PDB file of N, CA and C in Angstrom:
ATOM      1  N   MET A   1     159.954  89.053 133.378  1.00  0.00           N
ATOM      2  CA  MET A   1     159.567  89.634 132.447  1.00  0.00           C
ATOM      3  C   MET A   1     159.876  91.200 132.057  1.00  0.00           C
ATOM      4  N   ALA A   2     159.754  91.625 133.056  1.00  0.00           N
ATOM      5  CA  ALA A   2     159.987  93.162 132.857  1.00  0.00           C
ATOM      6  C   ALA A   2     162.013  93.260 132.466  1.00  0.00           C
ATOM      7  N   LYS A   3     162.626  92.336 132.765  1.00  0.00           N
ATOM      8  CA  LYS A   3     164.055  92.462 132.619  1.00  0.00           C
ATOM      9  C   LYS A   3     164.335  92.132 130.920  1.00  0.00           C
ATOM     10  N   GLU A   4     163.141  91.167 130.544  1.00  0.00           N
ATOM     11  CA  GLU A   4     163.560  91.165 129.116  1.00  0.00           C
ATOM     12  C   GLU A   4     162.975  92.355 127.816  1.00  0.00           C
ATOM     13  N   LYS A   5     161.900  93.090 128.780  1.00  0.00           N
ATOM     14  CA  LYS A   5     161.450  93.905 127.923  1.00  0.00           C
ATOM     15  C   LYS A   5     162.764  94.964 127.880  1.00  0.00           C
ATOM     16  N   LEU A   6     163.091  95.509 129.067  1.00  0.00           N
ATOM     17  CA  LEU A   6     164.453  96.436 128.912  1.00  0.00           C
ATOM     18  C   LEU A   6     165.576  95.910 128.224  1.00  0.00           C
ATOM     19  N   LEU A   7     166.012  94.557 127.788  1.00  0.00           N
ATOM     20  CA  LEU A   7     167.060  93.987 126.834  1.00  0.00           C
ATOM     21  C   LEU A   7     166.354  93.918 125.695  1.00  0.00           C
ATOM     22  N   GLN A   8     164.958  93.954 125.307  1.00  0.00           N
ATOM     23  CA  GLN A   8     164.402  93.978 124.049  1.00  0.00           C
ATOM     24  C   GLN A   8     164.745  95.583 123.388  1.00  0.00           C
ATOM     25  N   ARG A   9     164.551  96.717 124.528  1.00  0.00           N
ATOM     26  CA  ARG A   9     164.485  97.738 124.189  1.00  0.00           C
ATOM     27  C   ARG A   9     166.259  98.372 124.008  1.00  0.00           C
ATOM     28  N   LEU A  10     167.165  97.580 124.427  1.00  0.00           N
ATOM     29  CA  LEU A  10     168.429  97.845 124.084  1.00  0.00           C
ATOM     30  C   LEU A  10     168.695  97.346 122.171  1.00  0.00           C
ATOM     31  N   PHE A  11     168.355  96.900 121.886  1.00  0.00           N
ATOM     32  CA  PHE A  11     168.501  96.242 120.350  1.00  0.00           C
ATOM     33  C   PHE A  11     167.342  96.718 119.541  1.00  0.00           C
ATOM     34  N   SER A  12     167.586  97.359 118.727  1.00  0.00           N
ATOM     35  CA  SER A  12     166.913  97.949 117.184  1.00  0.00           C
ATOM     36  C   SER A  12     165.715  97.041 116.640  1.00  0.00           C
ATOM     37  N   ASN A  13     166.737  96.222 116.153  1.00  0.00           N
ATOM     38  CA  ASN A  13     165.989  94.717 115.582  1.00  0.00           C
ATOM     39  C   ASN A  13     167.046  93.355 115.468  1.00  0.00           C
ATOM     40  N   PHE A  14     166.472  92.466 115.330  1.00  0.00           N
ATOM     41  CA  PHE A  14     167.503  91.364 115.286  1.00  0.00           C
ATOM     42  C   PHE A  14     167.380  91.058 113.690  1.00  0.00           C
ATOM     43  N   ALA A  15     167.940  91.696 112.691  1.00  0.00           N
ATOM     44  CA  ALA A  15     167.866  91.599 111.182  1.00  0.00           C
ATOM     45  C   ALA A  15     168.462  90.357 111.405  1.00  0.00           C
ATOM     46  N   ASN A  16     167.463  89.644 110.110  1.00  0.00           N
ATOM     47  CA  ASN A  16     167.596  88.292 109.573  1.00  0.00           C
ATOM     48  C   ASN A  16     167.802  88.618 108.180  1.00  0.00           C
ATOM     49  N   GLY A  17     168.302  87.426 107.708  1.00  0.00           N
ATOM     50  CA  GLY A  17     168.799  87.533 106.047  1.00  0.00           C
ATOM     51  C   GLY A  17     170.319  88.149 105.528  1.00  0.00           C
ATOM     52  N   TRP A  18     170.230  88.750 104.597  1.00  0.00           N
ATOM     53  CA  TRP A  18     171.597  89.339 104.525  1.00  0.00           C
ATOM     54  C   TRP A  18     172.372  90.173 105.110  1.00  0.00           C
ATOM     55  N   PRO A  19     171.419  91.117 105.722  1.00  0.00           N
ATOM     56  CA  PRO A  19     171.723  92.239 106.746  1.00  0.00           C
ATOM     57  C   PRO A  19     171.962  91.305 107.910  1.00  0.00           C
ATOM     58  N   GLY A  20     171.489  90.136 108.353  1.00  0.00           N
ATOM     59  CA  GLY A  20     171.803  89.527 109.604  1.00  0.00           C
ATOM     60  C   GLY A  20     173.282  88.685 109.312  1.00  0.00           C
ATOM     61  N   ARG A  21     173.422  88.219 108.156  1.00  0.00           N
ATOM     62  CA  ARG A  21     174.569  87.709 107.858  1.00  0.00           C
ATOM     63  C   ARG A  21     175.872  88.607 107.869  1.00  0.00           C
ATOM     64  N   GLY A  22     175.678  90.122 107.470  1.00  0.00           N
ATOM     65  CA  GLY A  22     176.335  90.909 107.540  1.00  0.00           C
ATOM     66  C   GLY A  22     177.104  91.205 108.995  1.00  0.00           C
ATOM     67  N   LEU A  23     175.798  91.310 110.097  1.00  0.00           N
ATOM     68  CA  LEU A  23     176.183  91.563 111.277  1.00  0.00           C
ATOM     69  C   LEU A  23     177.079  90.200 111.707  1.00  0.00           C
ATOM     70  N   LEU A  24     176.534  89.217 111.639  1.00  0.00           N
ATOM     71  CA  LEU A  24     177.490  87.770 112.055  1.00  0.00           C
ATOM     72  C   LEU A  24     178.779  87.908 111.613  1.00  0.00           C
ATOM     73  N   ALA A  25     179.218  88.675 110.207  1.00  0.00           N
ATOM     74  CA  ALA A  25     180.391  88.842 109.503  1.00  0.00           C
ATOM     75  C   ALA A  25     181.267  90.148 110.714  1.00  0.00           C
ATOM     76  N   GLN A  26     180.320  90.885 110.807  1.00  0.00           N
ATOM     77  CA  GLN A  26     181.102  92.044 111.731  1.00  0.00           C
ATOM     78  C   GLN A  26     181.412  91.326 113.202  1.00  0.00           C
ATOM     79  N   ARG A  27     180.510  90.825 113.789  1.00  0.00           N
ATOM     80  CA  ARG A  27     180.926  89.693 114.777  1.00  0.00           C
ATOM     81  C   ARG A  27     182.320  89.281 114.690  1.00  0.00           C
ATOM     82  N   VAL A  28     182.021  88.294 113.756  1.00  0.00           N
ATOM     83  CA  VAL A  28     183.033  87.210 113.813  1.00  0.00           C
ATOM     84  C   VAL A  28     184.948  88.206 113.539  1.00  0.00           C
ATOM     85  N   LEU A  29     184.753  89.130 112.539  1.00  0.00           N
ATOM     86  CA  LEU A  29     186.057  89.953 112.099  1.00  0.00           C
ATOM     87  C   LEU A  29     186.479  90.963 113.383  1.00  0.00           C
ATOM     88  N   LEU A  30     185.385  91.505 114.188  1.00  0.00           N
ATOM     89  CA  LEU A  30     185.971  91.974 115.429  1.00  0.00           C
ATOM     90  C   LEU A  30     186.590  91.059 116.597  1.00  0.00           C
ATOM     91  N   ALA A  31     185.804  89.719 116.854  1.00  0.00           N
ATOM     92  CA  ALA A  31     186.619  88.882 117.439  1.00  0.00           C
ATOM     93  C   ALA A  31     187.923  88.621 117.139  1.00  0.00           C
ATOM     94  N   VAL A  32     187.844  88.412 115.917  1.00  0.00           N
ATOM     95  CA  VAL A  32     189.185  87.338 115.291  1.00  0.00           C
ATOM     96  C   VAL A  32     190.744  88.498 115.333  1.00  0.00           C
ATOM     97  N   VAL A  33     190.008  89.555 115.033  1.00  0.00           N
ATOM     98  CA  VAL A  33     191.036  90.955 115.404  1.00  0.00           C
ATOM     99  C   VAL A  33     191.619  91.306 116.929  1.00  0.00           C
ATOM    100  N   LEU A  34     190.329  91.332 117.473  1.00  0.00           N
ATOM    101  CA  LEU A  34     191.001  91.614 119.375  1.00  0.00           C
ATOM    102  C   LEU A  34     191.808  90.454 119.588  1.00  0.00           C
ATOM    103  N   ILE A  35     191.204  89.280 119.262  1.00  0.00           N
ATOM    104  CA  ILE A  35     192.270  87.897 119.763  1.00  0.00           C
ATOM    105  C   ILE A  35     193.484  88.160 119.061  1.00  0.00           C
ATOM    106  N   TYR A  36     193.821  88.590 117.631  1.00  0.00           N
ATOM    107  CA  TYR A  36     194.882  88.596 117.135  1.00  0.00           C
ATOM    108  C   TYR A  36     195.798  89.572 117.714  1.00  0.00           C
ATOM    109  N   CYS A  37     195.380  90.791 118.211  1.00  0.00           N
ATOM    110  CA  CYS A  37     196.260  91.763 118.598  1.00  0.00           C
ATOM    111  C   CYS A  37     196.313  91.521 120.160  1.00  0.00           C
ATOM    112  N   VAL A  38     196.451  90.324 120.759  1.00  0.00           N
ATOM    113  CA  VAL A  38     197.131  90.191 122.162  1.00  0.00           C
ATOM    114  C   VAL A  38     198.131  90.092 122.118  1.00  0.00           C
ATOM    115  N   PRO A  39     198.667  88.998 121.514  1.00  0.00           N
ATOM    116  CA  PRO A  39     200.299  88.535 121.255  1.00  0.00           C
ATOM    117  C   PRO A  39     201.134  90.076 121.173  1.00  0.00           C
ATOM    118  N   PHE A  40     200.990  90.892 120.305  1.00  0.00           N
ATOM    119  CA  PHE A  40     202.044  92.094 120.381  1.00  0.00           C
ATOM    120  C   PHE A  40     202.498  92.826 121.670  1.00  0.00           C
ATOM    121  N   PRO A  41     201.337  93.198 122.292  1.00  0.00           N
ATOM    122  CA  PRO A  41     201.830  94.126 123.647  1.00  0.00           C
ATOM    123  C   PRO A  41     202.437  92.978 124.597  1.00  0.00           C
ATOM    124  N   LEU A  42     202.022  91.849 124.492  1.00  0.00           N
ATOM    125  CA  LEU A  42     202.723  90.574 125.619  1.00  0.00           C
ATOM    126  C   LEU A  42     204.334  90.762 124.880  1.00  0.00           C
ATOM    127  N   THR A  43     204.992  90.661 123.671  1.00  0.00           N
ATOM    128  CA  THR A  43     205.903  90.568 123.921  1.00  0.00           C
ATOM    129  C   THR A  43     206.865  92.312 123.674  1.00  0.00           C
ATOM    130  N   GLU A  44     206.256  93.202 123.282  1.00  0.00           N
ATOM    131  CA  GLU A  44     207.061  94.235 123.479  1.00  0.00           C
ATOM    132  C   GLU A  44     207.158  94.855 124.864  1.00  0.00           C
ATOM    133  N   GLU A  45     205.969  94.591 125.360  1.00  0.00           N
ATOM    134  CA  GLU A  45     205.997  95.129 127.014  1.00  0.00           C
ATOM    135  C   GLU A  45     206.042  94.802 128.239  1.00  0.00           C
ATOM    136  N   THR A  46     205.364  94.936 129.416  1.00  0.00           N
ATOM    137  CA  THR A  46     205.278  93.891 130.456  1.00  0.00           C
ATOM    138  C   THR A  46     204.204  93.234 130.126  1.00  0.00           C
ATOM    139  N   ALA A  47     203.495  92.048 131.074  1.00  0.00           N
ATOM    140  CA  ALA A  47     202.223  91.830 130.613  1.00  0.00           C
ATOM    141  C   ALA A  47     201.331  92.812 131.389  1.00  0.00           C
ATOM    142  N   ALA A  48     201.600  93.716 132.128  1.00  0.00           N
ATOM    143  CA  ALA A  48     200.514  94.171 132.916  1.00  0.00           C
ATOM    144  C   ALA A  48     200.258  95.165 131.486  1.00  0.00           C
ATOM    145  N   ALA A  49     200.802  95.898 131.358  1.00  0.00           N
ATOM    146  CA  ALA A  49     200.828  96.988 129.968  1.00  0.00           C
ATOM    147  C   ALA A  49     199.567  96.103 128.866  1.00  0.00           C
ATOM    148  N   ALA A  50     199.454  94.709 128.674  1.00  0.00           N
ATOM    149  CA  ALA A  50     198.640  94.546 127.592  1.00  0.00           C
ATOM    150  C   ALA A  50     197.383  93.997 128.446  1.00  0.00           C
ATOM    151  N   LEU A  51     197.035  94.227 129.542  1.00  0.00           N
ATOM    152  CA  LEU A  51     195.729  94.096 130.570  1.00  0.00           C
ATOM    153  C   LEU A  51     194.264  94.608 129.319  1.00  0.00           C
ATOM    154  N   PRO A  52     194.464  95.912 128.592  1.00  0.00           N
ATOM    155  CA  PRO A  52     193.216  96.242 127.637  1.00  0.00           C
ATOM    156  C   PRO A  52     193.478  94.956 126.680  1.00  0.00           C
ATOM    157  N   GLU A  53     194.093  94.600 126.213  1.00  0.00           N
ATOM    158  CA  GLU A  53     194.168  93.708 125.092  1.00  0.00           C
ATOM    159  C   GLU A  53     193.577  92.336 125.771  1.00  0.00           C
ATOM    160  N   LEU A  54     193.995  91.837 127.097  1.00  0.00           N
ATOM    161  CA  LEU A  54     192.968  90.814 127.376  1.00  0.00           C
ATOM    162  C   LEU A  54     192.259  90.915 127.841  1.00  0.00           C
ATOM    163  N   ILE A  55     191.679  92.185 128.133  1.00  0.00           N
ATOM    164  CA  ILE A  55     190.239  92.183 128.438  1.00  0.00           C
ATOM    165  C   ILE A  55     189.178  92.428 127.304  1.00  0.00           C
ATOM    166  N   ALA A  56     189.779  92.975 126.168  1.00  0.00           N
ATOM    167  CA  ALA A  56     188.913  92.916 125.035  1.00  0.00           C
ATOM    168  C   ALA A  56     189.176  91.386 124.186  1.00  0.00           C
ATOM    169  N   ALA A  57     190.520  90.647 124.742  1.00  0.00           N
ATOM    170  CA  ALA A  57     189.980  89.295 123.754  1.00  0.00           C
ATOM    171  C   ALA A  57     189.211  88.591 124.827  1.00  0.00           C
ATOM    172  N   GLY A  58     189.043  88.230 126.104  1.00  0.00           N
ATOM    173  CA  GLY A  58     188.110  88.124 126.779  1.00  0.00           C
ATOM    174  C   GLY A  58     186.464  88.431 126.376  1.00  0.00           C
ATOM    175  N   LEU A  59     186.517  89.556 126.134  1.00  0.00           N
ATOM    176  CA  LEU A  59     185.098  90.162 125.597  1.00  0.00           C
ATOM    177  C   LEU A  59     184.455  89.895 123.960  1.00  0.00           C
ATOM    178  N   SER A  60     185.732  89.250 123.534  1.00  0.00           N
ATOM    179  CA  SER A  60     185.310  89.121 122.024  1.00  0.00           C
ATOM    180  C   SER A  60     184.584  87.689 122.090  1.00  0.00           C
ATOM    181  N   ILE A  61     184.938  86.893 123.137  1.00  0.00           N
ATOM    182  CA  ILE A  61     183.829  85.387 123.166  1.00  0.00           C
ATOM    183  C   ILE A  61     182.250  85.808 123.146  1.00  0.00           C
ATOM    184  N   PHE A  62     182.385  86.844 123.843  1.00  0.00           N
ATOM    185  CA  PHE A  62     181.032  87.059 123.836  1.00  0.00           C
ATOM    186  C   PHE A  62     180.065  87.896 122.790  1.00  0.00           C
ATOM    187  N   ILE A  63     181.281  88.829 122.068  1.00  0.00           N
ATOM    188  CA  ILE A  63     180.926  89.241 120.562  1.00  0.00           C
ATOM    189  C   ILE A  63     180.596  88.324 119.499  1.00  0.00           C
ATOM    190  N   LEU A  64     181.925  87.253 119.747  1.00  0.00           N
ATOM    191  CA  LEU A  64     181.200  86.323 118.552  1.00  0.00           C
ATOM    192  C   LEU A  64     180.001  85.102 118.850  1.00  0.00           C
ATOM    193  N   ALA A  65     179.495  85.175 120.260  1.00  0.00           N
ATOM    194  CA  ALA A  65     178.717  84.403 120.017  1.00  0.00           C
ATOM    195  C   ALA A  65     177.197  85.327 120.021  1.00  0.00           C
ATOM    196  N   GLY A  66     177.506  86.565 120.194  1.00  0.00           N
ATOM    197  CA  GLY A  66     176.126  87.805 120.347  1.00  0.00           C
ATOM    198  C   GLY A  66     175.576  87.436 121.611  1.00  0.00           C
ATOM    199  N   LEU A  67     176.145  87.491 122.329  1.00  0.00           N
ATOM    200  CA  LEU A  67     175.712  87.454 123.925  1.00  0.00           C
ATOM    201  C   LEU A  67     175.891  89.081 124.531  1.00  0.00           C
ATOM    202  N   TRP A  68     174.581  89.612 124.937  1.00  0.00           N
ATOM    203  CA  TRP A  68     174.829  90.857 125.567  1.00  0.00           C
ATOM    204  C   TRP A  68     175.562  91.930 124.920  1.00  0.00           C
ATOM    205  N   THR A  69     175.376  92.017 123.789  1.00  0.00           N
ATOM    206  CA  THR A  69     176.230  92.849 122.452  1.00  0.00           C
ATOM    207  C   THR A  69     175.987  94.510 122.611  1.00  0.00           C
ATOM    208  N   PRO A  70     175.098  94.721 123.215  1.00  0.00           N
ATOM    209  CA  PRO A  70     175.185  96.292 123.178  1.00  0.00           C
ATOM    210  C   PRO A  70     175.910  96.524 124.413  1.00  0.00           C
ATOM    211  N   VAL A  71     176.151  95.640 125.510  1.00  0.00           N
ATOM    212  CA  VAL A  71     176.966  96.213 126.676  1.00  0.00           C
ATOM    213  C   VAL A  71     178.375  95.876 126.356  1.00  0.00           C
ATOM    214  N   VAL A  72     178.645  95.147 125.975  1.00  0.00           N
ATOM    215  CA  VAL A  72     180.051  93.965 125.484  1.00  0.00           C
ATOM    216  C   VAL A  72     180.741  94.951 124.490  1.00  0.00           C
ATOM    217  N   GLY A  73     179.585  95.552 123.559  1.00  0.00           N
ATOM    218  CA  GLY A  73     180.124  96.379 122.290  1.00  0.00           C
ATOM    219  C   GLY A  73     180.681  97.625 123.118  1.00  0.00           C
ATOM    220  N   THR A  74     179.832  98.063 123.726  1.00  0.00           N
ATOM    221  CA  THR A  74     180.259  99.517 124.409  1.00  0.00           C
ATOM    222  C   THR A  74     181.766  99.313 125.378  1.00  0.00           C
ATOM    223  N   LEU A  75     181.615  98.195 125.893  1.00  0.00           N
ATOM    224  CA  LEU A  75     182.622  97.840 126.902  1.00  0.00           C
ATOM    225  C   LEU A  75     184.208  97.606 126.003  1.00  0.00           C
ATOM    226  N   THR A  76     183.831  97.208 124.936  1.00  0.00           N
ATOM    227  CA  THR A  76     184.790  96.931 123.971  1.00  0.00           C
ATOM    228  C   THR A  76     185.392  98.109 123.230  1.00  0.00           C
ATOM    229  N   SER A  77     184.521  99.104 122.711  1.00  0.00           N
ATOM    230  CA  SER A  77     184.465 100.192 122.292  1.00  0.00           C
ATOM    231  C   SER A  77     185.661 101.232 123.208  1.00  0.00           C
ATOM    232  N   LEU A  78     184.957 101.092 124.879  1.00  0.00           N
ATOM    233  CA  LEU A  78     185.927 101.781 125.531  1.00  0.00           C
ATOM    234  C   LEU A  78     187.248 101.403 126.048  1.00  0.00           C
ATOM    235  N   ILE A  79     187.181 100.281 125.689  1.00  0.00           N
ATOM    236  CA  ILE A  79     188.868  99.704 125.943  1.00  0.00           C
ATOM    237  C   ILE A  79     189.545 100.114 125.044  1.00  0.00           C
ATOM    238  N   GLU A  80     189.117  99.741 123.788  1.00  0.00           N
ATOM    239  CA  GLU A  80     189.981 100.330 122.809  1.00  0.00           C
ATOM    240  C   GLU A  80     190.231 101.373 122.694  1.00  0.00           C
ATOM    241  N   THR A  81     189.514 102.551 123.125  1.00  0.00           N
ATOM    242  CA  THR A  81     189.854 104.008 123.945  1.00  0.00           C
ATOM    243  C   THR A  81     190.749 104.011 124.393  1.00  0.00           C
ATOM    244  N   TRP A  82     191.143 103.223 125.452  1.00  0.00           N
ATOM    245  CA  TRP A  82     192.069 103.252 126.347  1.00  0.00           C
ATOM    246  C   TRP A  82     193.337 102.836 125.620  1.00  0.00           C
ATOM    247  N   VAL A  83     193.232 102.465 124.992  1.00  0.00           N
ATOM    248  CA  VAL A  83     194.608 101.309 124.343  1.00  0.00           C
ATOM    249  C   VAL A  83     194.714 102.361 122.967  1.00  0.00           C
ATOM    250  N   LEU A  84     193.829 103.276 122.734  1.00  0.00           N
ATOM    251  CA  LEU A  84     194.551 104.476 121.737  1.00  0.00           C
ATOM    252  C   LEU A  84     195.219 105.531 122.878  1.00  0.00           C
ATOM    253  N   LEU A  85     194.564 106.003 123.747  1.00  0.00           N
ATOM    254  CA  LEU A  85     195.109 106.831 124.216  1.00  0.00           C
ATOM    255  C   LEU A  85     196.511 106.654 125.078  1.00  0.00           C
ATOM    256  N   SER A  86     196.286 105.029 125.700  1.00  0.00           N
ATOM    257  CA  SER A  86     197.868 104.730 126.100  1.00  0.00           C
ATOM    258  C   SER A  86     198.882 104.378 125.138  1.00  0.00           C
ATOM    259  N   ARG A  87     199.006 104.088 123.666  1.00  0.00           N
ATOM    260  CA  ARG A  87     199.839 103.774 122.826  1.00  0.00           C
ATOM    261  C   ARG A  87     199.720 104.615 121.750  1.00  0.00           C
ATOM    262  N   PRO A  88     200.189 105.595 121.567  1.00  0.00           N
ATOM    263  CA  PRO A  88     199.528 106.771 120.608  1.00  0.00           C
ATOM    264  C   PRO A  88     200.430 106.397 119.488  1.00  0.00           C
ATOM    265  N   ALA A  89     201.587 105.543 119.727  1.00  0.00           N
ATOM    266  CA  ALA A  89     202.020 105.132 117.960  1.00  0.00           C
ATOM    267  C   ALA A  89     201.488 104.264 117.286  1.00  0.00           C
ATOM    268  N   ASP A  90     200.889 103.565 117.389  1.00  0.00           N
ATOM    269  CA  ASP A  90     200.047 103.435 116.260  1.00  0.00           C
ATOM    270  C   ASP A  90     198.204 102.951 116.472  1.00  0.00           C
ATOM    271  N   VAL A  91     197.971 104.323 115.817  1.00  0.00           N
ATOM    272  CA  VAL A  91     196.231 104.602 116.356  1.00  0.00           C
ATOM    273  C   VAL A  91     195.563 104.017 115.470  1.00  0.00           C
ATOM    274  N   ARG A  92     195.519 103.325 114.199  1.00  0.00           N
ATOM    275  CA  ARG A  92     195.099 102.685 113.408  1.00  0.00           C
ATOM    276  C   ARG A  92     193.841 101.593 113.938  1.00  0.00           C
ATOM    277  N   ILE A  93     194.532 100.282 114.004  1.00  0.00           N
ATOM    278  CA  ILE A  93     194.099  99.208 114.635  1.00  0.00           C
ATOM    279  C   ILE A  93     192.817  99.469 115.863  1.00  0.00           C
ATOM    280  N   PRO A  94     193.397 100.309 116.712  1.00  0.00           N
ATOM    281  CA  PRO A  94     192.514 100.922 117.635  1.00  0.00           C
ATOM    282  C   PRO A  94     191.103 102.019 117.577  1.00  0.00           C
ATOM    283  N   ILE A  95     191.639 102.601 116.008  1.00  0.00           N
ATOM    284  CA  ILE A  95     190.291 103.385 115.848  1.00  0.00           C
ATOM    285  C   ILE A  95     189.568 102.449 115.591  1.00  0.00           C
ATOM    286  N   ILE A  96     189.665 101.485 114.701  1.00  0.00           N
ATOM    287  CA  ILE A  96     188.612 100.841 113.470  1.00  0.00           C
ATOM    288  C   ILE A  96     188.288  99.943 114.166  1.00  0.00           C
ATOM    289  N   LEU A  97     188.833  99.000 115.389  1.00  0.00           N
ATOM    290  CA  LEU A  97     188.029  98.176 116.238  1.00  0.00           C
ATOM    291  C   LEU A  97     186.867  99.021 117.415  1.00  0.00           C
ATOM    292  N   ALA A  98     187.193 100.522 117.889  1.00  0.00           N
ATOM    293  CA  ALA A  98     186.389 101.145 118.958  1.00  0.00           C
ATOM    294  C   ALA A  98     185.237 101.275 117.773  1.00  0.00           C
ATOM    295  N   THR A  99     185.488 101.597 116.423  1.00  0.00           N
ATOM    296  CA  THR A  99     184.414 101.564 115.805  1.00  0.00           C
ATOM    297  C   THR A  99     183.500 100.527 115.316  1.00  0.00           C
ATOM    298  N   LEU A 100     184.256  99.786 115.140  1.00  0.00           N
ATOM    299  CA  LEU A 100     183.042  98.292 114.644  1.00  0.00           C
ATOM    300  C   LEU A 100     182.179  98.114 115.985  1.00  0.00           C
ATOM    301  N   SER A 101     183.439  98.338 117.325  1.00  0.00           N
ATOM    302  CA  SER A 101     182.807  97.772 118.282  1.00  0.00           C
ATOM    303  C   SER A 101     181.315  99.068 118.523  1.00  0.00           C
ATOM    304  N   ALA A 102     181.505  99.984 118.670  1.00  0.00           N
ATOM    305  CA  ALA A 102     180.695 101.214 118.585  1.00  0.00           C
ATOM    306  C   ALA A 102     179.255 100.886 117.988  1.00  0.00           C
ATOM    307  N   THR A 103     179.775 100.604 116.464  1.00  0.00           N
ATOM    308  CA  THR A 103     178.729 100.362 115.596  1.00  0.00           C
ATOM    309  C   THR A 103     177.722  99.095 115.849  1.00  0.00           C
ATOM    310  N   LEU A 104     178.217  98.273 116.487  1.00  0.00           N
ATOM    311  CA  LEU A 104     177.891  97.000 116.774  1.00  0.00           C
ATOM    312  C   LEU A 104     177.126  97.066 117.730  1.00  0.00           C
ATOM    313  N   SER A 105     177.324  97.578 118.747  1.00  0.00           N
ATOM    314  CA  SER A 105     176.386  98.250 119.833  1.00  0.00           C
ATOM    315  C   SER A 105     175.031  98.818 119.276  1.00  0.00           C
ATOM    316  N   MET A 106     174.969  99.398 118.643  1.00  0.00           N
ATOM    317  CA  MET A 106     173.976 100.426 118.446  1.00  0.00           C
ATOM    318  C   MET A 106     173.113  99.365 117.445  1.00  0.00           C
ATOM    319  N   ILE A 107     173.901  98.779 116.269  1.00  0.00           N
ATOM    320  CA  ILE A 107     172.876  98.134 115.693  1.00  0.00           C
ATOM    321  C   ILE A 107     172.432  96.977 116.294  1.00  0.00           C
ATOM    322  N   GLY A 108     173.092  96.017 116.974  1.00  0.00           N
ATOM    323  CA  GLY A 108     172.450  95.124 117.486  1.00  0.00           C
ATOM    324  C   GLY A 108     173.071  94.133 117.004  1.00  0.00           C
ATOM    325  N   PRO A 109     173.123  92.958 117.624  1.00  0.00           N
ATOM    326  CA  PRO A 109     173.780  91.297 116.839  1.00  0.00           C
ATOM    327  C   PRO A 109     173.221  90.579 116.013  1.00  0.00           C
ATOM    328  N   GLY A 110     171.946  91.027 115.427  1.00  0.00           N
ATOM    329  CA  GLY A 110     171.467  90.071 114.094  1.00  0.00           C
ATOM    330  C   GLY A 110     170.635  89.014 114.672  1.00  0.00           C
ATOM    331  N   ALA A 111     170.043  88.211 113.957  1.00  0.00           N
ATOM    332  CA  ALA A 111     169.040  87.298 114.220  1.00  0.00           C
ATOM    333  C   ALA A 111     169.919  85.704 114.524  1.00  0.00           C
ATOM    334  N   LEU A 112     170.992  85.818 114.130  1.00  0.00           N
ATOM    335  CA  LEU A 112     172.136  84.884 113.944  1.00  0.00           C
ATOM    336  C   LEU A 112     173.045  85.074 115.760  1.00  0.00           C
ATOM    337  N   SER A 113     172.341  85.092 116.139  1.00  0.00           N
ATOM    338  CA  SER A 113     173.059  85.344 117.960  1.00  0.00           C
ATOM    339  C   SER A 113     171.941  84.696 119.058  1.00  0.00           C
ATOM    340  N   ILE A 114     172.888  84.586 120.247  1.00  0.00           N
ATOM    341  CA  ILE A 114     172.293  84.158 121.272  1.00  0.00           C
ATOM    342  C   ILE A 114     171.151  85.241 121.644  1.00  0.00           C
ATOM    343  N   ASP A 115     171.431  86.607 121.765  1.00  0.00           N
ATOM    344  CA  ASP A 115     170.783  87.628 121.853  1.00  0.00           C
ATOM    345  C   ASP A 115     169.603  87.407 121.313  1.00  0.00           C
ATOM    346  N   ALA A 116     169.434  86.906 120.124  1.00  0.00           N
ATOM    347  CA  ALA A 116     168.264  86.826 119.194  1.00  0.00           C
ATOM    348  C   ALA A 116     167.403  85.565 119.904  1.00  0.00           C
ATOM    349  N   LYS A 117     168.079  84.771 120.334  1.00  0.00           N
ATOM    350  CA  LYS A 117     167.487  83.466 120.956  1.00  0.00           C
ATOM    351  C   LYS A 117     166.519  83.926 122.199  1.00  0.00           C
ATOM    352  N   LEU A 118     167.451  84.587 123.019  1.00  0.00           N
ATOM    353  CA  LEU A 118     166.632  85.168 124.748  1.00  0.00           C
ATOM    354  C   LEU A 118     166.079  85.675 124.723  1.00  0.00           C
ATOM    355  N   PHE A 119     166.479  86.912 123.813  1.00  0.00           N
ATOM    356  CA  PHE A 119     165.566  88.155 123.997  1.00  0.00           C
ATOM    357  C   PHE A 119     164.883  88.838 122.798  1.00  0.00           C
ATOM    358  N   GLY A 120     164.734  88.038 121.772  1.00  0.00           N
ATOM    359  CA  GLY A 120     164.159  88.110 120.570  1.00  0.00           C
ATOM    360  C   GLY A 120     162.725  87.971 120.440  1.00  0.00           C
ATOM    361  N   ARG A 121     161.906  88.804 119.501  1.00  0.00           N
ATOM    362  CA  ARG A 121     160.546  88.629 119.605  1.00  0.00           C
ATOM    363  C   ARG A 121     159.719  87.072 119.587  1.00  0.00           C
ATOM    364  N   LYS A 122     159.052  87.276 120.719  1.00  0.00           N
ATOM    365  CA  LYS A 122     158.459  85.712 120.753  1.00  0.00           C
ATOM    366  C   LYS A 122     157.089  85.646 119.868  1.00  0.00           C
ATOM    367  N   HIS A 123     156.772  84.724 119.290  1.00  0.00           N
ATOM    368  CA  HIS A 123     155.423  84.558 118.469  1.00  0.00           C
ATOM    369  C   HIS A 123     154.661  83.744 119.358  1.00  0.00           C
ATOM    370  N   ILE A 124     153.154  84.425 119.527  1.00  0.00           N
ATOM    371  CA  ILE A 124     152.651  83.367 120.458  1.00  0.00           C
ATOM    372  C   ILE A 124     151.704  83.067 119.695  1.00  0.00           C
ATOM    373  N   GLU A 125     151.314  81.494 119.844  1.00  0.00           N
ATOM    374  CA  GLU A 125     150.167  81.283 119.369  1.00  0.00           C
ATOM    375  C   GLU A 125     148.812  80.989 120.128  1.00  0.00           C
ATOM    376  N   THR A 126     147.815  81.121 119.666  1.00  0.00           N
ATOM    377  CA  THR A 126     146.601  81.513 120.687  1.00  0.00           C
ATOM    378  C   THR A 126     145.600  79.906 119.888  1.00  0.00           C
ATOM    379  N   THR A 127     145.252  79.303 120.573  1.00  0.00           N
ATOM    380  CA  THR A 127     144.038  78.231 120.302  1.00  0.00           C
ATOM    381  C   THR A 127     142.874  78.577 119.958  1.00  0.00           C
ATOM    382  N   GLU A 128     141.770  78.703 119.619  1.00  0.00           N
ATOM    383  CA  GLU A 128     140.296  78.781 119.714  1.00  0.00           C
ATOM    384  C   GLU A 128     139.808  77.615 120.398  1.00  0.00           C
ATOM    385  N   LEU A 129     138.801  78.568 121.368  1.00  0.00           N
ATOM    386  CA  LEU A 129     138.483  77.645 122.331  1.00  0.00           C
ATOM    387  C   LEU A 129     136.720  76.983 121.672  1.00  0.00           C
TER     388      LEU A 129
END
C-alpha cells in the first residue's frame, strides 16, 4: 500500500483522451528514435563505445510500454546527456532525445500505459447494507 502511494506521487496525473494519446505518441516517437540511433555508433566505432545507445535502446522498451516512466525517463535523459558529452560532433539528436525523455518523466505516461493500470487511481464501490 505504501509503495503504491509513493509511486502515485511520482505522476502528476494519468492524462486521458487527446492528452493521453499525445503522451502515447511521444512515448512511441521516443522509443523508435532511441532504437533507430543504435546502429550508427556500432558501425563507426567499437561496440564498447556504443554502450550508451544500447542501454537507451533497452530502456526504450519500458518507455514504449509506459512502465516506470518517471525513473526510466530520467535515466534516458541522463544517458542522452552522456552521449551528448562524449560525442560533441552532432548534438541535435541527443539534445532532442534528452529533452523528450525529461519531459515525459515530468508529465507521466498517460492513461494508455502499464503505469496507469498498476498505479492509477482506483475507484472503490461500496455496497449498502
